[in-house]
Amino acid sequence: MVHASGIRGYLEVMQDLNFDPKPLLAQHEITLEQIRQDDAWLDQKSVIDLYEHTAYLARCPDLGLRISKHQDISILGILGLIMQSASSMRGVIDYTSDFLFLHGPGLAISLKEQSSLFEDAIDVIFEIRINSYVPQRQTIDNCLGTTHRILKWLAAENYELKAVSLPHMPLVSIKEYQRFFGAPILINQNRAALHLSRHTLDSQPHSTNPALREIAEDYIHRYFRNPAGKVSANVRKPSAFIYPHHVQIKYM
């Protein structure tokens, strides 16, 4: 499952393309009401299939990237709050790795301390962990694009992206990806990843907020066995997680 906030921007892109998405949404058992409720849970495979099907029928091969232009840290709900409490970009990525399941249990981000491709760089690796043999190109593009936008916003002038690895062959010109990410694009790689300068990892986020850290730490202590991320079995189940509507998330 994944929070409906994760496909924010889909309807806007469809409007830009003058394409009616309602038949496709119905085919994939997703309602307009669900899409408009950030805290609604959607079947992740249905979202992946929707993106691929839409990209084909709407003749929009860069759909994932287009949707990510409408997304920012606010789509992550409480995770966005936790990320903004980190005192370093390393902390931001560590928090994301530990708590991304709050947004979607089938999504994973990990940090590789030494890049496999660059000296003095690290890899932020993205994975979709579901049993599916359908193409995932648009979802991977979307997640990489949104992660890039969020990290760039948090790191500000300290953000240095050396390259982006794609585990597939893009359906649009590589130049489109280069314009979006502002970095070289490596295709048909083993993993989806952002290759960041170590300087970025060691820098301080511009939005670090001690008050947010207190709220985030209180939340972690309430729902987790310890701040290191030992998660209770109940919290990992989407049905057991109550989305905190009262928390105000800082928008881009």
C-alpha atoms as a PDB file:
ATOM      1  CA  MET A   1       0.000   0.000   0.000  1.00  0.00           C
ATOM      2  CA  VAL A   2       1.010   3.619  -0.484  1.00  0.00           C
ATOM      3  CA  HIS A   3      -0.518   6.905   0.638  1.00  0.00           C
ATOM      4  CA  ALA A   4      -2.571   8.678  -2.022  1.00  0.00           C
ATOM      5  CA  SER A   5      -0.425  11.779  -1.480  1.00  0.00           C
ATOM      6  CA  GLY A   6       2.231   9.862  -3.431  1.00  0.00           C
ATOM      7  CA  ILE A   7       0.335  10.366  -6.702  1.00  0.00           C
ATOM      8  CA  ARG A   8      -0.345  14.045  -6.116  1.00  0.00           C
ATOM      9  CA  GLY A   9      -0.026  15.781  -9.462  1.00  0.00           C
ATOM     10  CA  TYR A  10      -1.463  12.934 -11.526  1.00  0.00           C
ATOM     11  CA  LEU A  11      -4.770  14.720 -12.138  1.00  0.00           C
ATOM     12  CA  GLU A  12      -2.991  18.002 -12.917  1.00  0.00           C
ATOM     13  CA  VAL A  13      -0.813  16.313 -15.535  1.00  0.00           C
ATOM     14  CA  MET A  14      -3.890  14.661 -17.059  1.00  0.00           C
ATOM     15  CA  GLN A  15      -5.548  18.069 -17.273  1.00  0.00           C
ATOM     16  CA  ASP A  16      -2.464  19.529 -18.960  1.00  0.00           C
ATOM     17  CA  LEU A  17      -2.605  16.697 -21.512  1.00  0.00           C
ATOM     18  CA  ASN A  18      -6.366  17.085 -21.984  1.00  0.00           C
ATOM     19  CA  PHE A  19      -6.705  13.395 -21.191  1.00  0.00           C
ATOM     20  CA  ASP A  20      -9.653  11.939 -19.259  1.00  0.00           C
ATOM     21  CA  PRO A  21      -8.194   9.582 -16.598  1.00  0.00           C
ATOM     22  CA  LYS A  22     -11.497   8.390 -15.120  1.00  0.00           C
ATOM     23  CA  PRO A  23     -11.795   5.188 -17.215  1.00  0.00           C
ATOM     24  CA  LEU A  24      -8.221   4.200 -16.318  1.00  0.00           C
ATOM     25  CA  LEU A  25      -8.750   4.976 -12.648  1.00  0.00           C
ATOM     26  CA  ALA A  26     -11.839   2.773 -12.624  1.00  0.00           C
ATOM     27  CA  GLN A  27      -9.962  -0.002 -14.421  1.00  0.00           C
ATOM     28  CA  HIS A  28      -7.296   0.040 -11.713  1.00  0.00           C
ATOM     29  CA  GLU A  29      -9.859   0.360  -8.907  1.00  0.00           C
ATOM     30  CA  ILE A  30      -8.772   3.836  -7.806  1.00  0.00           C
ATOM     31  CA  THR A  31     -11.382   6.508  -7.175  1.00  0.00           C
ATOM     32  CA  LEU A  32     -11.169  10.281  -7.510  1.00  0.00           C
ATOM     33  CA  GLU A  33     -12.221  10.522  -3.877  1.00  0.00           C
ATOM     34  CA  GLN A  34      -9.195   8.450  -2.821  1.00  0.00           C
ATOM     35  CA  ILE A  35      -6.781  10.540  -4.875  1.00  0.00           C
ATOM     36  CA  ARG A  36      -8.070  13.707  -3.239  1.00  0.00           C
ATOM     37  CA  GLN A  37      -7.461  12.366   0.279  1.00  0.00           C
ATOM     38  CA  ASP A  38      -3.732  12.395   1.045  1.00  0.00           C
ATOM     39  CA  ASP A  39      -4.102   9.890   3.862  1.00  0.00           C
ATOM     40  CA  ALA A  40      -6.050   7.298   1.839  1.00  0.00           C
ATOM     41  CA  TRP A  41      -4.208   4.034   1.197  1.00  0.00           C
ATOM     42  CA  LEU A  42      -3.887   2.820  -2.403  1.00  0.00           C
ATOM     43  CA  ASP A  43      -2.740  -0.555  -3.643  1.00  0.00           C
ATOM     44  CA  GLN A  44       0.825   0.049  -4.812  1.00  0.00           C
ATOM     45  CA  LYS A  45       0.659  -2.379  -7.719  1.00  0.00           C
ATOM     46  CA  SER A  46      -2.482  -0.614  -8.946  1.00  0.00           C
ATOM     47  CA  VAL A  47      -0.627   2.721  -8.877  1.00  0.00           C
ATOM     48  CA  ILE A  48       2.354   1.243 -10.752  1.00  0.00           C
ATOM     49  CA  ASP A  49       0.042  -0.246 -13.386  1.00  0.00           C
ATOM     50  CA  LEU A  50      -1.936   3.004 -13.633  1.00  0.00           C
ATOM     51  CA  TYR A  51       1.207   4.991 -14.370  1.00  0.00           C
ATOM     52  CA  GLU A  52       2.406   2.603 -17.063  1.00  0.00           C
ATOM     53  CA  HIS A  53      -1.014   2.347 -18.695  1.00  0.00           C
ATOM     54  CA  THR A  54      -1.535   6.104 -18.596  1.00  0.00           C
ATOM     55  CA  ALA A  55       1.893   6.845 -20.063  1.00  0.00           C
ATOM     56  CA  TYR A  56       1.079   4.567 -22.999  1.00  0.00           C
ATOM     57  CA  LEU A  57      -2.488   5.694 -23.727  1.00  0.00           C
ATOM     58  CA  ALA A  58      -1.854   9.399 -23.086  1.00  0.00           C
ATOM     59  CA  ARG A  59       1.350   9.246 -25.124  1.00  0.00           C
ATOM     60  CA  CYS A  60       3.284  10.720 -22.233  1.00  0.00           C
ATOM     61  CA  PRO A  61       6.524   8.714 -21.879  1.00  0.00           C
ATOM     62  CA  ASP A  62       7.890  11.110 -19.235  1.00  0.00           C
ATOM     63  CA  LEU A  63       4.771  10.842 -17.051  1.00  0.00           C
ATOM     64  CA  GLY A  64       6.695   9.961 -13.869  1.00  0.00           C
ATOM     65  CA  LEU A  65       8.903  13.033 -14.125  1.00  0.00           C
ATOM     66  CA  ARG A  66       5.978  15.297 -14.953  1.00  0.00           C
ATOM     67  CA  ILE A  67       4.085  14.146 -11.862  1.00  0.00           C
ATOM     68  CA  SER A  68       7.115  14.680  -9.627  1.00  0.00           C
ATOM     69  CA  LYS A  69       7.152  18.367 -10.612  1.00  0.00           C
ATOM     70  CA  HIS A  70       3.924  18.689  -8.596  1.00  0.00           C
ATOM     71  CA  GLN A  71       5.357  16.937  -5.522  1.00  0.00           C
ATOM     72  CA  ASP A  72       7.393  18.160  -2.568  1.00  0.00           C
ATOM     73  CA  ILE A  73       8.156  17.172   1.014  1.00  0.00           C
ATOM     74  CA  SER A  74       4.537  17.718   2.047  1.00  0.00           C
ATOM     75  CA  ILE A  75       3.457  14.471   0.315  1.00  0.00           C
ATOM     76  CA  LEU A  76       5.347  12.539   3.013  1.00  0.00           C
ATOM     77  CA  GLY A  77       3.171  13.661   5.906  1.00  0.00           C
ATOM     78  CA  ILE A  78       4.734  12.817   9.280  1.00  0.00           C
ATOM     79  CA  LEU A  79       7.860  11.508   7.530  1.00  0.00           C
ATOM     80  CA  GLY A  80       8.381  14.992   6.056  1.00  0.00           C
ATOM     81  CA  LEU A  81       8.239  16.395   9.577  1.00  0.00           C
ATOM     82  CA  ILE A  82      10.761  13.851  10.810  1.00  0.00           C
ATOM     83  CA  MET A  83      13.103  14.624   7.898  1.00  0.00           C
ATOM     84  CA  GLN A  84      12.993  18.352   8.661  1.00  0.00           C
ATOM     85  CA  SER A  85      14.076  17.634  12.224  1.00  0.00           C
ATOM     86  CA  ALA A  86      17.403  16.123  11.135  1.00  0.00           C
ATOM     87  CA  SER A  87      20.584  18.042  11.937  1.00  0.00           C
ATOM     88  CA  SER A  88      22.432  16.828   8.817  1.00  0.00           C
ATOM     89  CA  MET A  89      21.614  15.548   5.352  1.00  0.00           C
ATOM     90  CA  ARG A  90      22.957  12.191   6.504  1.00  0.00           C
ATOM     91  CA  GLY A  91      20.281  12.278   9.183  1.00  0.00           C
ATOM     92  CA  VAL A  92      17.653  13.144   6.575  1.00  0.00           C
ATOM     93  CA  ILE A  93      18.545  10.073   4.528  1.00  0.00           C
ATOM     94  CA  ASP A  94      18.807   7.848   7.616  1.00  0.00           C
ATOM     95  CA  TYR A  95      15.368   8.962   8.807  1.00  0.00           C
ATOM     96  CA  THR A  96      13.947   8.358   5.336  1.00  0.00           C
ATOM     97  CA  SER A  97      15.460   4.882   5.239  1.00  0.00           C
ATOM     98  CA  ASP A  98      14.066   4.009   8.677  1.00  0.00           C
ATOM     99  CA  PHE A  99      10.585   5.476   8.295  1.00  0.00           C
ATOM    100  CA  LEU A 100       9.677   5.439   4.592  1.00  0.00           C
ATOM    101  CA  PHE A 101       7.207   2.634   5.345  1.00  0.00           C
ATOM    102  CA  LEU A 102       4.997   5.317   6.948  1.00  0.00           C
ATOM    103  CA  HIS A 103       4.401   6.548   3.390  1.00  0.00           C
ATOM    104  CA  GLY A 104       4.520   3.191   1.611  1.00  0.00           C
ATOM    105  CA  PRO A 105       5.697  -0.158   3.064  1.00  0.00           C
ATOM    106  CA  GLY A 106       6.733  -1.375  -0.399  1.00  0.00           C
ATOM    107  CA  LEU A 107       9.187   1.487  -0.916  1.00  0.00           C
ATOM    108  CA  ALA A 108      12.773   1.561   0.325  1.00  0.00           C
ATOM    109  CA  ILE A 109      15.678   4.025   0.306  1.00  0.00           C
ATOM    110  CA  SER A 110      19.168   3.114   1.460  1.00  0.00           C
ATOM    111  CA  LEU A 111      22.517   4.861   1.703  1.00  0.00           C
ATOM    112  CA  LYS A 112      25.739   3.416   0.305  1.00  0.00           C
ATOM    113  CA  GLU A 113      28.612   5.251   1.949  1.00  0.00           C
ATOM    114  CA  GLN A 114      30.999   4.813  -0.975  1.00  0.00           C
ATOM    115  CA  SER A 115      29.614   5.310  -4.448  1.00  0.00           C
ATOM    116  CA  SER A 116      30.223   2.460  -6.842  1.00  0.00           C
ATOM    117  CA  LEU A 117      30.828   4.958  -9.652  1.00  0.00           C
ATOM    118  CA  PHE A 118      32.417   8.091  -8.191  1.00  0.00           C
ATOM    119  CA  GLU A 119      35.137   9.003  -5.737  1.00  0.00           C
ATOM    120  CA  ASP A 120      34.161  11.253  -2.852  1.00  0.00           C
ATOM    121  CA  ALA A 121      30.488  10.462  -3.422  1.00  0.00           C
ATOM    122  CA  ILE A 122      27.688   8.387  -1.924  1.00  0.00           C
ATOM    123  CA  ASP A 123      24.729   6.561  -3.456  1.00  0.00           C
ATOM    124  CA  VAL A 124      21.119   7.059  -2.406  1.00  0.00           C
ATOM    125  CA  ILE A 125      19.484   3.869  -3.679  1.00  0.00           C
ATOM    126  CA  PHE A 126      15.764   3.541  -4.323  1.00  0.00           C
ATOM    127  CA  GLU A 127      13.854   0.238  -4.495  1.00  0.00           C
ATOM    128  CA  ILE A 128      10.281  -0.926  -5.037  1.00  0.00           C
ATOM    129  CA  ARG A 129       9.824  -4.067  -2.962  1.00  0.00           C
ATOM    130  CA  ILE A 130       6.730  -5.757  -4.305  1.00  0.00           C
ATOM    131  CA  ASN A 131       6.220  -8.972  -6.239  1.00  0.00           C
ATOM    132  CA  SER A 132       5.395  -7.596  -9.643  1.00  0.00           C
ATOM    133  CA  TYR A 133       6.602  -8.409 -13.129  1.00  0.00           C
ATOM    134  CA  VAL A 134       4.979  -5.399 -14.737  1.00  0.00           C
ATOM    135  CA  PRO A 135       7.146  -2.477 -15.870  1.00  0.00           C
ATOM    136  CA  GLN A 136       7.879   0.052 -13.128  1.00  0.00           C
ATOM    137  CA  ARG A 137       9.604   2.697 -15.241  1.00  0.00           C
ATOM    138  CA  GLN A 138       7.185   5.549 -14.532  1.00  0.00           C
ATOM    139  CA  THR A 139       7.018   4.897 -10.795  1.00  0.00           C
ATOM    140  CA  ILE A 140      10.799   4.707 -10.505  1.00  0.00           C
ATOM    141  CA  ASP A 141      11.168   7.944 -12.490  1.00  0.00           C
ATOM    142  CA  ASN A 142       8.553   9.579 -10.286  1.00  0.00           C
ATOM    143  CA  CYS A 143      10.177   8.467  -7.020  1.00  0.00           C
ATOM    144  CA  LEU A 144      13.691   9.405  -8.134  1.00  0.00           C
ATOM    145  CA  GLY A 145      12.437  12.770  -9.366  1.00  0.00           C
ATOM    146  CA  THR A 146      10.581  13.576  -6.155  1.00  0.00           C
ATOM    147  CA  THR A 147      13.469  12.394  -3.952  1.00  0.00           C
ATOM    148  CA  HIS A 148      15.807  14.619  -5.960  1.00  0.00           C
ATOM    149  CA  ARG A 149      13.511  17.626  -5.529  1.00  0.00           C
ATOM    150  CA  ILE A 150      13.124  17.087  -1.779  1.00  0.00           C
ATOM    151  CA  LEU A 151      16.838  16.559  -1.101  1.00  0.00           C
ATOM    152  CA  LYS A 152      17.734  19.536  -3.284  1.00  0.00           C
ATOM    153  CA  TRP A 153      15.300  21.708  -1.350  1.00  0.00           C
ATOM    154  CA  LEU A 154      16.637  20.542   2.012  1.00  0.00           C
ATOM    155  CA  ALA A 155      20.336  20.836   1.100  1.00  0.00           C
ATOM    156  CA  ALA A 156      19.877  24.092  -0.851  1.00  0.00           C
ATOM    157  CA  GLU A 157      23.253  25.442  -2.027  1.00  0.00           C
ATOM    158  CA  ASN A 158      25.018  22.345  -0.644  1.00  0.00           C
ATOM    159  CA  TYR A 159      23.209  20.006  -3.028  1.00  0.00           C
ATOM    160  CA  GLU A 160      25.564  18.469  -5.569  1.00  0.00           C
ATOM    161  CA  LEU A 161      24.180  15.684  -7.750  1.00  0.00           C
ATOM    162  CA  LYS A 162      26.928  13.966  -9.708  1.00  0.00           C
ATOM    163  CA  ALA A 163      24.717  11.597 -11.717  1.00  0.00           C
ATOM    164  CA  VAL A 164      21.479   9.587 -11.749  1.00  0.00           C
ATOM    165  CA  SER A 165      21.304   5.842 -12.359  1.00  0.00           C
ATOM    166  CA  LEU A 166      18.232   4.408 -14.074  1.00  0.00           C
ATOM    167  CA  PRO A 167      17.559   0.646 -14.085  1.00  0.00           C
ATOM    168  CA  HIS A 168      15.823   0.929 -17.462  1.00  0.00           C
ATOM    169  CA  MET A 169      16.007   2.467 -20.908  1.00  0.00           C
ATOM    170  CA  PRO A 170      14.134   5.810 -20.936  1.00  0.00           C
ATOM    171  CA  LEU A 171      11.286   6.244 -23.404  1.00  0.00           C
ATOM    172  CA  VAL A 172      12.180   9.897 -23.998  1.00  0.00           C
ATOM    173  CA  SER A 173      15.432  11.597 -24.882  1.00  0.00           C
ATOM    174  CA  ILE A 174      18.160  11.469 -22.258  1.00  0.00           C
ATOM    175  CA  LYS A 175      18.266  15.250 -22.614  1.00  0.00           C
ATOM    176  CA  GLU A 176      14.824  15.436 -20.970  1.00  0.00           C
ATOM    177  CA  TYR A 177      16.199  13.642 -17.913  1.00  0.00           C
ATOM    178  CA  GLN A 178      19.332  15.787 -17.916  1.00  0.00           C
ATOM    179  CA  ARG A 179      17.234  18.951 -17.949  1.00  0.00           C
ATOM    180  CA  PHE A 180      15.126  17.678 -15.062  1.00  0.00           C
ATOM    181  CA  PHE A 181      17.979  16.483 -12.826  1.00  0.00           C
ATOM    182  CA  GLY A 182      20.707  18.832 -14.031  1.00  0.00           C
ATOM    183  CA  ALA A 183      23.185  15.927 -14.042  1.00  0.00           C
ATOM    184  CA  PRO A 184      24.452  13.083 -16.258  1.00  0.00           C
ATOM    185  CA  ILE A 185      22.068  10.121 -16.687  1.00  0.00           C
ATOM    186  CA  LEU A 186      23.311   6.526 -16.597  1.00  0.00           C
ATOM    187  CA  ILE A 187      20.888   4.023 -18.156  1.00  0.00           C
ATOM    188  CA  ASN A 188      20.292   0.277 -17.709  1.00  0.00           C
ATOM    189  CA  GLN A 189      22.070   0.229 -14.348  1.00  0.00           C
ATOM    190  CA  ASN A 190      21.611  -2.413 -11.655  1.00  0.00           C
ATOM    191  CA  ARG A 191      19.756  -0.026  -9.367  1.00  0.00           C
ATOM    192  CA  ALA A 192      17.912   3.272  -9.325  1.00  0.00           C
ATOM    193  CA  ALA A 193      20.115   5.763  -7.499  1.00  0.00           C
ATOM    194  CA  LEU A 194      21.097   9.369  -6.967  1.00  0.00           C
ATOM    195  CA  HIS A 195      24.879   9.807  -6.765  1.00  0.00           C
ATOM    196  CA  LEU A 196      25.552  12.701  -4.397  1.00  0.00           C
ATOM    197  CA  SER A 197      28.702  14.506  -3.348  1.00  0.00           C
ATOM    198  CA  ARG A 198      29.912  13.572   0.129  1.00  0.00           C
ATOM    199  CA  HIS A 199      29.868  17.289   0.862  1.00  0.00           C
ATOM    200  CA  THR A 200      26.087  17.200   0.431  1.00  0.00           C
ATOM    201  CA  LEU A 201      25.791  14.276   2.847  1.00  0.00           C
ATOM    202  CA  ASP A 202      27.784  16.096   5.545  1.00  0.00           C
ATOM    203  CA  SER A 203      25.992  19.428   5.174  1.00  0.00           C
ATOM    204  CA  GLN A 204      23.213  20.816   7.358  1.00  0.00           C
ATOM    205  CA  PRO A 205      19.667  21.118   5.957  1.00  0.00           C
ATOM    206  CA  HIS A 206      18.529  24.702   5.625  1.00  0.00           C
ATOM    207  CA  SER A 207      15.221  23.857   7.306  1.00  0.00           C
ATOM    208  CA  THR A 208      16.547  22.254  10.499  1.00  0.00           C
ATOM    209  CA  ASN A 209      14.081  23.114  13.256  1.00  0.00           C
ATOM    210  CA  PRO A 210      14.619  22.141  16.928  1.00  0.00           C
ATOM    211  CA  ALA A 211      10.879  22.417  17.593  1.00  0.00           C
ATOM    212  CA  LEU A 212      10.167  19.953  14.806  1.00  0.00           C
ATOM    213  CA  ARG A 213      12.818  17.661  16.248  1.00  0.00           C
ATOM    214  CA  GLU A 214      11.043  17.624  19.597  1.00  0.00           C
ATOM    215  CA  ILE A 215       7.724  16.756  17.956  1.00  0.00           C
ATOM    216  CA  ALA A 216       9.367  14.100  15.783  1.00  0.00           C
ATOM    217  CA  GLU A 217      11.227  12.526  18.706  1.00  0.00           C
ATOM    218  CA  ASP A 218       8.018  12.441  20.745  1.00  0.00           C
ATOM    219  CA  TYR A 219       6.248  10.745  17.835  1.00  0.00           C
ATOM    220  CA  ILE A 220       9.058   8.207  17.444  1.00  0.00           C
ATOM    221  CA  HIS A 221       9.025   7.388  21.159  1.00  0.00           C
ATOM    222  CA  ARG A 222       5.262   6.942  21.098  1.00  0.00           C
ATOM    223  CA  TYR A 223       5.158   4.522  18.167  1.00  0.00           C
ATOM    224  CA  PHE A 224       8.586   2.876  18.192  1.00  0.00           C
ATOM    225  CA  ARG A 225      10.509   0.817  20.700  1.00  0.00           C
ATOM    226  CA  ASN A 226      13.500   3.127  20.408  1.00  0.00           C
ATOM    227  CA  PRO A 227      14.674   5.999  18.163  1.00  0.00           C
ATOM    228  CA  ALA A 228      17.006   3.648  16.287  1.00  0.00           C
ATOM    229  CA  GLY A 229      13.993   2.405  14.375  1.00  0.00           C
ATOM    230  CA  LYS A 230      12.961  -0.807  16.151  1.00  0.00           C
ATOM    231  CA  VAL A 231       9.419  -0.742  14.899  1.00  0.00           C
ATOM    232  CA  SER A 232       6.501  -2.439  16.581  1.00  0.00           C
ATOM    233  CA  ALA A 233       4.644  -4.963  14.445  1.00  0.00           C
ATOM    234  CA  ASN A 234       1.406  -3.004  14.631  1.00  0.00           C
ATOM    235  CA  VAL A 235       2.891   0.259  13.378  1.00  0.00           C
ATOM    236  CA  ARG A 236       4.200  -1.420  10.235  1.00  0.00           C
ATOM    237  CA  LYS A 237       0.660  -2.368   9.214  1.00  0.00           C
ATOM    238  CA  PRO A 238      -1.058   0.400   7.204  1.00  0.00           C
ATOM    239  CA  SER A 239      -4.400  -0.325   8.883  1.00  0.00           C
ATOM    240  CA  ALA A 240      -2.862   0.339  12.302  1.00  0.00           C
ATOM    241  CA  PHE A 241      -1.246   3.665  11.391  1.00  0.00           C
ATOM    242  CA  ILE A 242      -3.254   6.795  12.127  1.00  0.00           C
ATOM    243  CA  TYR A 243      -2.239   9.689   9.905  1.00  0.00           C
ATOM    244  CA  PRO A 244      -1.689  12.780  12.086  1.00  0.00           C
ATOM    245  CA  HIS A 245      -3.912  15.446  10.523  1.00  0.00           C
ATOM    246  CA  HIS A 246      -3.087  17.949  13.292  1.00  0.00           C
ATOM    247  CA  VAL A 247       0.601  18.144  12.378  1.00  0.00           C
ATOM    248  CA  GLN A 248       1.533  21.028  10.120  1.00  0.00           C
ATOM    249  CA  ILE A 249       4.160  20.160   7.516  1.00  0.00           C
ATOM    250  CA  LYS A 250       6.400  22.840   6.049  1.00  0.00           C
ATOM    251  CA  TYR A 251       5.798  23.189   2.301  1.00  0.00           C
ATOM    252  CA  MET A 252       8.311  24.068  -0.384  1.00  0.00           C
END
